[in-house]
Structure formats: structure tokens, C-alpha cells
Amino acid sequence: NPQRIHAVREVMLAQLARELCDDWAWAYDNNQVRGAYSPDPASSGKRALANLSLAMLCLDAVKSGDAVWPGRAYQRVKDAGNMTERVGALTALTECHADLAGPALAHFHQQFRHEALVIDKWFACQAHMPEQADGRVFARVKQLMQHTDFTLKNPNRARSLIQAFCAANPAGFHRTDAAGYVFWADQVMQIDALNPQLAARISRVMDRWNHLAEPYRSAARMAIARVAAKPELSSGVREIIERAMIAA
């Protein structure tokens, strides 16, 4: 039951953020990398721990109504010395749905709008946002498909939004109204005509559909059957879809 798993995970993260708040603050402050950027293991590890700590601190801050850590994350989005720290701060704000997430996303896009690979990260960051009860993340993903910087003809761009959402946002994708599965089927069929290799990757999202609880299982099977019924499928996608059908 993806929604049940998501709910339990959210409670767990909130508890870790709250109970270890002082430790996260210590880890963040004591793992700042000074000087020029270096990809060495020690520096990379420090940046990774600092990013995780900032995400947990922002999560607790949003739940407690504290504006300090989201403010620090927003400042880091604006003045970080490297992309790892900047994206880490942006992710910290978006994953907890902080009020400053919107301004941070706008600033990030404005600053890097001419750098394609960085804008891919901007799309993926929004696709990964944990879904809320009102379905706002799913609505955002569909809205982003109309963005002037989005096109299905760009494999990296389609992967950063569509595959990121379907494969890495279980609460947004596995909806009780089956809209996530309908979205998946629509995109697989549309992308298959443009890029069969990418369509095949996105098709694999449903490999384990038969492990789902109801009503997700039946809805997933209907979406897979809909793709299977399309006569013009590429050989790669058809093989994946037919194998999924057999798994029933």
C-alpha cells in the first residue's frame, strides 16, 4: 500500500528531524567545506552530510513554525559556492514544502535558465517533492509539462520530470483515483514515438505492479493493458509491457 508506506515514512522522518534536531544542527555547522570546490571523498562526504542535515532541520522548522533554518537554506540557494550545496539547499526547501520553496525555485531558474543540465535538476527537484493530501505535486508536474523550458523531445528534460515523478514519487504516482497510472500510460505511449529507449525506461516503473495492494493493483493493470493495446509500440516497450502482463 504505497500511501500507507508514505504516511509511515513521513512520520518517521518528522520524528528523526525533531528528536535529533541538535545533532543535525551540529552536523550541519561542523561539515561545511571551506575553500575551493574539491570532489575528493572527504569533501563530498561533508557536503552530503551537511545537505542531509539541512533538509532535516528545514523539515522540523516547517512543522514547528520556525523561520530560521528555511531562511538559511534560502540564502544558501542564492550564494552557495557550488552546485551540490545549492541544489541541496533547494531540495531541503522543496521537500518540506517550505514557504520559501517558491522564491528559491524562482531564483534558481532565473540564475541558471540558460544552463540546460542545471534546469534538468530544477525540474527533477519539483518532481520529487513529497505529495500532499491536496495532490498539489501531481498538479505541479502536469503544469510543468506546459513550461516553456519543457519538451518531450529532450530526453534529459523528459527524464528529469516524468521519470523522476513516476519512479521516485510514490505518494504522487500511486493515487487512489488512478490518475498517476493514466499519466504514466499517456507518457509512455507519447514518448515511445519520439524516444523508444526512454519510453522503455519509464515503462519499467510498473515492473512490480502485481505487488501492490488494491485498489492500486487493479488500476495499474488497466493502465498496463491500455499501453499493451497500442499497435504501434516499439519492440523494447512491447517486450517490457507484455512481460508485465504475464506477471499477473
Protein backbone atom coordinates (compact mmCIF):
# COMPACT_ATOMS: atom_id res chain seq x y z
CA ASN A 1 0.00 0.00 0.00
CA PRO A 2 2.10 2.94 -1.26
CA GLN A 3 0.05 5.60 0.53
CA ARG A 4 0.32 3.79 3.86
CA ILE A 5 4.08 3.37 3.42
CA HIS A 6 4.40 7.05 2.56
CA ALA A 7 2.42 8.13 5.62
CA VAL A 8 4.53 5.99 7.97
CA ARG A 9 7.73 7.23 6.36
CA GLU A 10 6.67 10.86 6.77
CA VAL A 11 6.01 10.29 10.47
CA MET A 12 9.39 8.60 10.85
CA LEU A 13 11.23 11.46 9.14
CA ALA A 14 9.44 14.04 11.26
CA GLN A 15 10.41 12.16 14.41
CA LEU A 16 14.05 11.88 13.35
CA ALA A 17 14.09 15.57 12.49
CA ARG A 18 12.58 16.55 15.87
CA GLU A 19 14.38 14.21 18.23
CA LEU A 20 17.82 14.74 16.64
CA CYS A 21 17.43 18.46 15.98
CA ASP A 22 20.51 19.46 17.99
CA ASP A 23 22.58 16.76 16.33
CA TRP A 24 21.51 17.86 12.85
CA ALA A 25 22.48 21.44 13.71
CA TRP A 26 25.87 20.28 14.95
CA ALA A 27 26.40 18.13 11.85
CA TYR A 28 25.48 21.00 9.55
CA ASP A 29 27.75 23.52 11.22
CA ASN A 30 30.68 21.13 11.52
CA ASN A 31 30.62 19.79 7.97
CA GLN A 32 30.97 22.99 5.97
CA VAL A 33 33.68 22.69 3.34
CA ARG A 34 35.83 25.78 3.16
CA GLY A 35 37.91 26.90 0.21
CA ALA A 36 37.74 25.89 -3.44
CA TYR A 37 35.45 23.06 -4.53
CA SER A 38 37.06 19.62 -4.50
CA PRO A 39 35.43 16.30 -5.47
CA ASP A 40 37.60 14.26 -3.08
CA PRO A 41 35.76 11.69 -0.92
CA ALA A 42 36.14 13.56 2.37
CA SER A 43 34.79 16.84 0.97
CA SER A 44 31.98 15.04 -0.86
CA GLY A 45 31.01 13.26 2.34
CA LYS A 46 30.92 16.52 4.28
CA ARG A 47 28.71 18.17 1.66
CA ALA A 48 26.36 15.17 1.63
CA LEU A 49 26.01 15.17 5.43
CA ALA A 50 25.52 18.94 5.50
CA ASN A 51 22.79 18.68 2.86
CA LEU A 52 21.01 15.90 4.76
CA SER A 53 21.26 17.87 7.99
CA LEU A 54 19.85 20.99 6.37
CA ALA A 55 16.93 19.02 4.93
CA MET A 56 16.07 17.59 8.36
CA LEU A 57 16.43 20.98 10.04
CA CYS A 58 14.10 22.58 7.50
CA LEU A 59 11.59 19.77 7.91
CA ASP A 60 11.46 20.28 11.67
CA ALA A 61 11.39 24.06 11.27
CA VAL A 62 8.35 23.97 8.97
CA LYS A 63 6.46 21.75 11.39
CA SER A 64 7.36 23.92 14.39
CA GLY A 65 6.85 27.24 12.63
CA ASP A 66 10.49 28.32 12.95
CA ALA A 67 11.69 30.52 10.07
CA VAL A 68 15.43 30.40 10.83
CA TRP A 69 16.54 27.25 9.03
CA PRO A 70 14.40 27.74 5.92
CA GLY A 71 15.86 31.24 5.79
CA ARG A 72 19.39 29.87 5.95
CA ALA A 73 18.57 27.36 3.22
CA TYR A 74 17.17 30.09 1.01
CA GLN A 75 20.32 32.15 1.49
CA ARG A 76 22.39 29.09 0.56
CA VAL A 77 20.42 28.69 -2.67
CA LYS A 78 21.43 32.24 -3.54
CA ASP A 79 25.09 32.29 -2.50
CA ALA A 80 26.41 28.70 -2.32
CA GLY A 81 29.83 28.28 -3.86
CA ASN A 82 29.00 25.07 -5.73
CA MET A 83 26.02 23.33 -7.29
CA THR A 84 25.97 20.45 -4.79
CA GLU A 85 25.30 22.80 -1.90
CA ARG A 86 22.92 24.98 -3.91
CA VAL A 87 20.77 22.05 -5.07
CA GLY A 88 20.94 20.54 -1.58
CA ALA A 89 19.51 23.73 -0.10
CA LEU A 90 16.85 23.94 -2.80
CA THR A 91 15.87 20.33 -2.14
CA ALA A 92 15.73 20.98 1.60
CA LEU A 93 13.13 23.69 0.99
CA THR A 94 11.05 21.86 -1.61
CA GLU A 95 10.88 18.52 0.19
CA CYS A 96 9.34 20.09 3.28
CA HIS A 97 7.13 22.45 1.24
CA ALA A 98 8.59 25.50 2.98
CA ASP A 99 7.07 28.88 2.17
CA LEU A 100 10.45 29.89 0.75
CA ALA A 101 10.48 26.99 -1.71
CA GLY A 102 8.65 29.05 -4.33
CA PRO A 103 11.01 32.05 -4.18
CA ALA A 104 14.00 29.70 -4.11
CA LEU A 105 12.80 27.87 -7.23
CA ALA A 106 12.19 31.17 -9.00
CA HIS A 107 15.64 32.48 -8.08
CA PHE A 108 17.32 29.23 -9.14
CA HIS A 109 15.57 29.23 -12.51
CA GLN A 110 16.35 32.87 -13.16
CA GLN A 111 20.02 32.35 -12.36
CA PHE A 112 20.53 29.17 -14.40
CA ARG A 113 17.86 29.37 -17.09
CA HIS A 114 20.47 29.17 -19.85
CA GLU A 115 22.20 26.05 -18.46
CA ALA A 116 20.24 23.04 -19.68
CA LEU A 117 21.66 20.40 -17.32
CA VAL A 118 21.06 22.62 -14.30
CA ILE A 119 17.46 23.27 -15.34
CA ASP A 120 17.04 19.48 -15.55
CA LYS A 121 17.81 19.47 -11.80
CA TRP A 122 15.24 22.21 -11.31
CA PHE A 123 12.53 20.08 -12.91
CA ALA A 124 13.59 16.94 -11.02
CA CYS A 125 13.60 18.77 -7.72
CA GLN A 126 9.91 19.59 -8.17
CA ALA A 127 9.01 16.11 -9.41
CA HIS A 128 10.47 14.63 -6.22
CA MET A 129 8.51 16.84 -3.80
CA PRO A 130 6.55 14.59 -1.41
CA GLU A 131 2.89 14.61 -2.35
CA GLN A 132 0.40 16.42 -0.14
CA ALA A 133 -3.21 15.50 0.64
CA ASP A 134 -4.46 18.02 -1.90
CA GLY A 135 -2.49 16.45 -4.77
CA ARG A 136 -0.57 19.65 -5.44
CA VAL A 137 2.63 17.91 -6.57
CA PHE A 138 0.88 15.87 -9.25
CA ALA A 139 -0.83 19.05 -10.43
CA ARG A 140 2.53 20.82 -10.47
CA VAL A 141 4.11 18.10 -12.60
CA LYS A 142 1.34 18.35 -15.18
CA GLN A 143 1.66 22.13 -15.14
CA LEU A 144 5.43 21.92 -15.61
CA MET A 145 4.88 19.93 -18.79
CA GLN A 146 3.48 23.17 -20.24
CA HIS A 147 6.52 25.18 -19.14
CA THR A 148 8.40 26.95 -21.92
CA ASP A 149 11.58 25.09 -20.93
CA PHE A 150 9.98 21.66 -21.16
CA THR A 151 9.80 19.41 -24.20
CA LEU A 152 9.34 15.67 -24.59
CA LYS A 153 11.82 15.82 -27.47
CA ASN A 154 14.66 16.42 -25.00
CA PRO A 155 15.39 13.06 -23.31
CA ASN A 156 17.13 14.60 -20.29
CA ARG A 157 14.26 17.01 -19.75
CA ALA A 158 11.60 14.32 -20.05
CA ARG A 159 13.57 12.06 -17.74
CA SER A 160 14.05 14.80 -15.16
CA LEU A 161 10.31 15.41 -14.85
CA ILE A 162 8.30 12.38 -15.97
CA GLN A 163 10.58 9.52 -15.00
CA ALA A 164 11.55 11.28 -11.77
CA PHE A 165 7.89 11.61 -10.80
CA CYS A 166 6.74 8.14 -11.79
CA ALA A 167 9.75 6.29 -10.38
CA ALA A 168 10.66 8.37 -7.33
CA ASN A 169 7.47 9.95 -6.01
CA PRO A 170 5.37 7.02 -4.82
CA ALA A 171 2.81 9.11 -2.95
CA GLY A 172 2.22 11.29 -6.00
CA PHE A 173 2.26 8.47 -8.53
CA HIS A 174 0.23 5.80 -6.71
CA ARG A 175 -3.07 7.65 -6.37
CA THR A 176 -6.34 6.06 -5.31
CA ASP A 177 -8.05 7.70 -8.30
CA ALA A 178 -5.56 6.02 -10.68
CA ALA A 179 -4.66 9.37 -12.26
CA GLY A 180 -0.95 8.66 -11.81
CA TYR A 181 -1.23 5.43 -13.78
CA VAL A 182 -3.22 7.15 -16.53
CA PHE A 183 -0.50 9.79 -16.69
CA TRP A 184 2.18 7.07 -16.92
CA ALA A 185 0.39 5.31 -19.78
CA ASP A 186 -0.11 8.56 -21.69
CA GLN A 187 3.55 9.49 -21.39
CA VAL A 188 4.90 6.04 -22.27
CA MET A 189 2.88 5.97 -25.48
CA GLN A 190 3.73 9.54 -26.43
CA ILE A 191 7.44 9.26 -25.67
CA ASP A 192 7.69 5.89 -27.42
CA ALA A 193 7.05 7.64 -30.74
CA LEU A 194 9.94 10.03 -30.02
CA ASN A 195 12.43 8.04 -27.98
CA PRO A 196 11.79 4.30 -27.55
CA GLN A 197 14.76 3.88 -25.20
CA LEU A 198 13.45 6.45 -22.75
CA ALA A 199 9.91 5.08 -23.07
CA ALA A 200 11.26 1.65 -22.16
CA ARG A 201 12.89 3.06 -19.02
CA ILE A 202 9.68 4.71 -17.93
CA SER A 203 7.76 1.51 -18.71
CA ARG A 204 9.84 -0.33 -16.11
CA VAL A 205 8.18 1.71 -13.37
CA MET A 206 5.35 -0.83 -13.45
CA ASP A 207 7.54 -3.94 -13.24
CA ARG A 208 6.31 -4.76 -9.72
CA TRP A 209 2.69 -3.69 -10.11
CA ASN A 210 1.43 -7.11 -9.01
CA HIS A 211 2.87 -6.49 -5.53
CA LEU A 212 0.52 -3.55 -5.00
CA ALA A 213 -2.48 -3.68 -2.72
CA GLU A 214 -5.94 -2.85 -4.02
CA PRO A 215 -7.19 -0.55 -5.46
CA TYR A 216 -3.75 0.23 -6.87
CA ARG A 217 -3.19 -3.24 -8.30
CA SER A 218 -6.31 -3.32 -10.49
CA ALA A 219 -5.81 0.26 -11.64
CA ALA A 220 -2.19 -0.42 -12.55
CA ARG A 221 -3.17 -3.48 -14.55
CA MET A 222 -5.71 -1.44 -16.51
CA ALA A 223 -3.05 1.15 -17.37
CA ILE A 224 -0.61 -1.54 -18.49
CA ALA A 225 -3.31 -3.21 -20.61
CA ARG A 226 -4.06 0.14 -22.23
CA VAL A 227 -0.43 0.52 -23.31
CA ALA A 228 -0.31 -3.10 -24.47
CA ALA A 229 -3.33 -2.47 -26.73
CA LYS A 230 -1.48 0.20 -28.71
CA PRO A 231 -0.44 -1.42 -32.01
CA GLU A 232 2.46 0.91 -32.84
CA LEU A 233 4.59 0.23 -29.77
CA SER A 234 8.34 -0.14 -30.22
CA SER A 235 9.73 -3.64 -29.72
CA GLY A 236 11.51 -2.68 -26.49
CA VAL A 237 8.46 -1.20 -24.83
CA ARG A 238 6.22 -4.03 -26.03
CA GLU A 239 8.55 -6.62 -24.54
CA ILE A 240 8.52 -4.87 -21.15
CA ILE A 241 4.75 -4.36 -21.17
CA GLU A 242 3.96 -7.91 -22.23
CA ARG A 243 6.28 -9.29 -19.57
CA ALA A 244 4.46 -7.16 -17.01
CA MET A 245 1.11 -8.53 -18.19
CA ILE A 246 2.36 -12.09 -17.78
CA ALA A 247 3.38 -11.25 -14.20
CA ALA A 248 -0.30 -11.11 -13.26
